[in-house]
Amino acid sequence: MHFEAIFQPKNSNDYSQVADQLIGKRIAILTGWQIEEGPHKGQFSYYVPSSNLGMIPQSDLAEIKSVPYVQWRSLHDRITANN
């Protein structure tokens, strides 16, 4: 499924430098998997295709909502074009 959410990491040091430009912004994400170990164990993760952000735990996202593919694609293209 396709989702959008506001990227609000608790610790931006967990991410690449690209993440600094996305903090507080709405991003296009896809469902990942359930995290099995570490401080985010038990949370679901998400990811941004074609990025080096890596896995994003649910706790680092706000206002997660399912969106139609056309809306998701538009947001994804806008974010990737700016980074």
N, C-alpha and C. Protein backbone atom coordinates (compact mmCIF):
# COMPACT_ATOMS: atom_id res chain seq x y z
N MET A 1 0.83 -1.19 0.00
CA MET A 1 0.00 0.00 0.00
C MET A 1 0.87 1.25 0.00
N HIS A 2 0.30 2.32 -0.46
CA HIS A 2 1.02 3.59 -0.56
C HIS A 2 0.55 4.52 0.55
N PHE A 3 1.52 5.13 1.21
CA PHE A 3 1.23 6.00 2.35
C PHE A 3 1.97 7.32 2.21
N GLU A 4 1.49 8.29 2.95
CA GLU A 4 2.24 9.53 3.15
C GLU A 4 2.27 9.79 4.64
N ALA A 5 3.30 10.48 5.09
CA ALA A 5 3.45 10.79 6.51
C ALA A 5 4.41 11.96 6.65
N ILE A 6 4.39 12.56 7.82
CA ILE A 6 5.34 13.63 8.13
C ILE A 6 6.54 12.99 8.83
N PHE A 7 7.71 13.27 8.31
CA PHE A 7 8.95 12.70 8.85
C PHE A 7 9.40 13.50 10.06
N GLN A 8 9.34 12.89 11.24
CA GLN A 8 9.72 13.55 12.49
C GLN A 8 10.58 12.61 13.33
N PRO A 9 11.84 12.41 12.93
CA PRO A 9 12.69 11.47 13.68
C PRO A 9 13.00 11.97 15.08
N LYS A 10 13.04 11.04 16.00
CA LYS A 10 13.41 11.37 17.39
C LYS A 10 14.89 11.73 17.47
N ASN A 11 15.70 11.08 16.60
CA ASN A 11 17.14 11.32 16.57
C ASN A 11 17.59 11.33 15.11
N SER A 12 17.88 12.48 14.57
CA SER A 12 18.26 12.56 13.15
C SER A 12 19.61 11.92 12.88
N ASN A 13 20.40 11.64 13.91
CA ASN A 13 21.68 10.97 13.72
C ASN A 13 21.51 9.53 13.26
N ASP A 14 20.30 8.99 13.38
CA ASP A 14 20.03 7.63 12.93
C ASP A 14 19.91 7.54 11.41
N TYR A 15 19.94 8.66 10.73
CA TYR A 15 19.70 8.72 9.29
C TYR A 15 20.85 9.41 8.57
N SER A 16 20.83 9.32 7.25
CA SER A 16 21.84 9.99 6.43
C SER A 16 21.60 11.50 6.45
N GLN A 17 22.53 12.24 5.88
CA GLN A 17 22.40 13.70 5.84
C GLN A 17 21.20 14.15 5.01
N VAL A 18 20.76 13.32 4.08
CA VAL A 18 19.58 13.64 3.26
C VAL A 18 18.36 13.82 4.16
N ALA A 19 18.31 13.09 5.26
CA ALA A 19 17.16 13.14 6.17
C ALA A 19 16.96 14.54 6.74
N ASP A 20 18.02 15.27 6.97
CA ASP A 20 17.91 16.62 7.54
C ASP A 20 17.01 17.52 6.69
N GLN A 21 17.04 17.32 5.38
CA GLN A 21 16.23 18.14 4.48
C GLN A 21 14.76 17.73 4.49
N LEU A 22 14.47 16.56 5.03
CA LEU A 22 13.10 16.04 5.02
C LEU A 22 12.37 16.19 6.36
N ILE A 23 13.07 16.56 7.40
CA ILE A 23 12.46 16.66 8.72
C ILE A 23 11.33 17.68 8.69
N GLY A 24 10.18 17.25 9.17
CA GLY A 24 9.00 18.11 9.21
C GLY A 24 8.21 18.16 7.93
N LYS A 25 8.70 17.45 6.89
CA LYS A 25 8.02 17.46 5.60
C LYS A 25 7.20 16.18 5.41
N ARG A 26 6.20 16.28 4.58
CA ARG A 26 5.39 15.13 4.21
C ARG A 26 6.16 14.32 3.17
N ILE A 27 6.29 13.02 3.39
CA ILE A 27 7.03 12.15 2.48
C ILE A 27 6.16 10.99 2.02
N ALA A 28 6.49 10.44 0.87
CA ALA A 28 5.81 9.27 0.31
C ALA A 28 6.54 8.03 0.80
N ILE A 29 5.81 7.10 1.41
CA ILE A 29 6.42 5.90 1.99
C ILE A 29 5.66 4.65 1.58
N LEU A 30 6.36 3.54 1.69
CA LEU A 30 5.76 2.22 1.48
C LEU A 30 5.93 1.40 2.75
N THR A 31 5.03 0.45 2.95
CA THR A 31 5.11 -0.43 4.11
C THR A 31 6.34 -1.31 4.02
N GLY A 32 7.05 -1.43 5.10
CA GLY A 32 8.22 -2.29 5.15
C GLY A 32 7.89 -3.59 5.86
N TRP A 33 8.37 -3.74 7.06
CA TRP A 33 8.24 -4.97 7.82
C TRP A 33 8.21 -4.65 9.30
N GLN A 34 7.95 -5.65 10.12
CA GLN A 34 7.97 -5.44 11.56
C GLN A 34 9.41 -5.55 12.04
N ILE A 35 9.84 -4.60 12.84
CA ILE A 35 11.21 -4.56 13.35
C ILE A 35 11.35 -5.62 14.44
N GLU A 36 12.37 -6.47 14.31
CA GLU A 36 12.51 -7.62 15.21
C GLU A 36 13.49 -7.41 16.35
N GLU A 37 14.35 -6.40 16.27
CA GLU A 37 15.31 -6.17 17.35
C GLU A 37 15.68 -4.70 17.44
N GLY A 38 16.35 -4.35 18.53
CA GLY A 38 16.78 -2.98 18.72
C GLY A 38 15.75 -2.13 19.45
N PRO A 39 16.00 -0.83 19.53
CA PRO A 39 15.13 0.05 20.32
C PRO A 39 13.72 0.19 19.75
N HIS A 40 13.52 -0.15 18.50
CA HIS A 40 12.21 -0.02 17.87
C HIS A 40 11.52 -1.38 17.68
N LYS A 41 11.99 -2.37 18.41
CA LYS A 41 11.45 -3.73 18.31
C LYS A 41 9.93 -3.73 18.45
N GLY A 42 9.26 -4.43 17.53
CA GLY A 42 7.81 -4.54 17.56
C GLY A 42 7.08 -3.50 16.73
N GLN A 43 7.76 -2.42 16.36
CA GLN A 43 7.13 -1.39 15.52
C GLN A 43 7.18 -1.82 14.06
N PHE A 44 6.27 -1.27 13.28
CA PHE A 44 6.34 -1.47 11.85
C PHE A 44 7.28 -0.43 11.27
N SER A 45 7.92 -0.80 10.18
CA SER A 45 8.83 0.13 9.52
C SER A 45 8.26 0.51 8.15
N TYR A 46 8.77 1.59 7.64
CA TYR A 46 8.39 2.09 6.32
C TYR A 46 9.68 2.47 5.61
N TYR A 47 9.59 2.70 4.32
CA TYR A 47 10.77 3.14 3.58
C TYR A 47 10.34 4.02 2.41
N VAL A 48 11.29 4.82 1.93
CA VAL A 48 11.08 5.67 0.77
C VAL A 48 11.82 5.01 -0.39
N PRO A 49 11.11 4.54 -1.41
CA PRO A 49 11.79 3.91 -2.54
C PRO A 49 12.78 4.87 -3.20
N SER A 50 13.84 4.33 -3.72
CA SER A 50 14.86 5.10 -4.45
C SER A 50 15.50 6.17 -3.58
N SER A 51 15.68 5.87 -2.30
CA SER A 51 16.37 6.81 -1.42
C SER A 51 17.36 6.05 -0.56
N ASN A 52 18.23 6.77 0.10
CA ASN A 52 19.17 6.13 1.01
C ASN A 52 18.80 6.40 2.46
N LEU A 53 17.53 6.71 2.70
CA LEU A 53 17.06 6.93 4.06
C LEU A 53 17.07 5.65 4.89
N GLY A 54 16.80 4.54 4.24
CA GLY A 54 16.74 3.27 4.95
C GLY A 54 15.40 3.08 5.63
N MET A 55 15.37 2.18 6.58
CA MET A 55 14.16 1.86 7.31
C MET A 55 13.77 3.00 8.24
N ILE A 56 12.48 3.32 8.26
CA ILE A 56 11.97 4.38 9.13
C ILE A 56 10.97 3.74 10.09
N PRO A 57 11.26 3.72 11.39
CA PRO A 57 10.29 3.15 12.33
C PRO A 57 9.05 4.03 12.43
N GLN A 58 7.95 3.41 12.74
CA GLN A 58 6.67 4.12 12.84
C GLN A 58 6.74 5.30 13.79
N SER A 59 7.54 5.19 14.83
CA SER A 59 7.63 6.27 15.82
C SER A 59 8.30 7.53 15.27
N ASP A 60 8.97 7.44 14.14
CA ASP A 60 9.60 8.61 13.52
C ASP A 60 8.72 9.26 12.47
N LEU A 61 7.46 8.81 12.40
CA LEU A 61 6.50 9.35 11.43
C LEU A 61 5.25 9.84 12.13
N ALA A 62 4.66 10.89 11.63
CA ALA A 62 3.40 11.41 12.16
C ALA A 62 2.37 11.46 11.04
N GLU A 63 1.13 11.35 11.41
CA GLU A 63 0.02 11.46 10.45
C GLU A 63 0.15 10.50 9.27
N ILE A 64 0.43 9.24 9.56
CA ILE A 64 0.53 8.23 8.51
C ILE A 64 -0.86 7.96 7.96
N LYS A 65 -0.99 8.06 6.64
CA LYS A 65 -2.29 7.75 6.05
C LYS A 65 -2.12 7.15 4.66
N SER A 66 -3.03 6.25 4.34
CA SER A 66 -3.06 5.62 3.03
C SER A 66 -3.54 6.64 2.00
N VAL A 67 -2.88 6.65 0.84
CA VAL A 67 -3.26 7.59 -0.22
C VAL A 67 -3.32 6.84 -1.55
N PRO A 68 -4.09 7.36 -2.51
CA PRO A 68 -4.12 6.76 -3.84
C PRO A 68 -2.74 6.84 -4.49
N TYR A 69 -2.47 5.90 -5.39
CA TYR A 69 -1.17 5.84 -6.04
C TYR A 69 -0.80 7.14 -6.74
N VAL A 70 -1.72 7.76 -7.42
CA VAL A 70 -1.42 8.99 -8.17
C VAL A 70 -0.94 10.09 -7.22
N GLN A 71 -1.58 10.23 -6.09
CA GLN A 71 -1.17 11.23 -5.09
C GLN A 71 0.20 10.86 -4.51
N TRP A 72 0.40 9.57 -4.20
CA TRP A 72 1.68 9.10 -3.66
C TRP A 72 2.80 9.38 -4.65
N ARG A 73 2.58 9.05 -5.92
CA ARG A 73 3.60 9.22 -6.96
C ARG A 73 3.99 10.69 -7.11
N SER A 74 3.01 11.56 -7.07
CA SER A 74 3.28 12.99 -7.18
C SER A 74 4.15 13.48 -6.03
N LEU A 75 3.82 13.07 -4.82
CA LEU A 75 4.61 13.45 -3.65
C LEU A 75 6.01 12.85 -3.73
N HIS A 76 6.11 11.59 -4.09
CA HIS A 76 7.41 10.93 -4.20
C HIS A 76 8.29 11.64 -5.22
N ASP A 77 7.74 11.95 -6.38
CA ASP A 77 8.51 12.62 -7.43
C ASP A 77 8.99 14.00 -6.98
N ARG A 78 8.15 14.71 -6.25
CA ARG A 78 8.52 16.05 -5.76
C ARG A 78 9.65 15.96 -4.75
N ILE A 79 9.56 15.01 -3.82
CA ILE A 79 10.59 14.86 -2.79
C ILE A 79 11.91 14.40 -3.40
N THR A 80 11.88 13.41 -4.28
CA THR A 80 13.13 12.92 -4.87
C THR A 80 13.77 13.94 -5.80
N ALA A 81 12.98 14.79 -6.42
CA ALA A 81 13.53 15.84 -7.29
C ALA A 81 14.26 16.90 -6.49
N ASN A 82 13.82 17.12 -5.24
CA ASN A 82 14.44 18.14 -4.40
C ASN A 82 15.67 17.63 -3.64
N ASN A 83 15.93 16.33 -3.69
CA ASN A 83 17.06 15.77 -2.93
C ASN A 83 18.03 15.13 -3.84
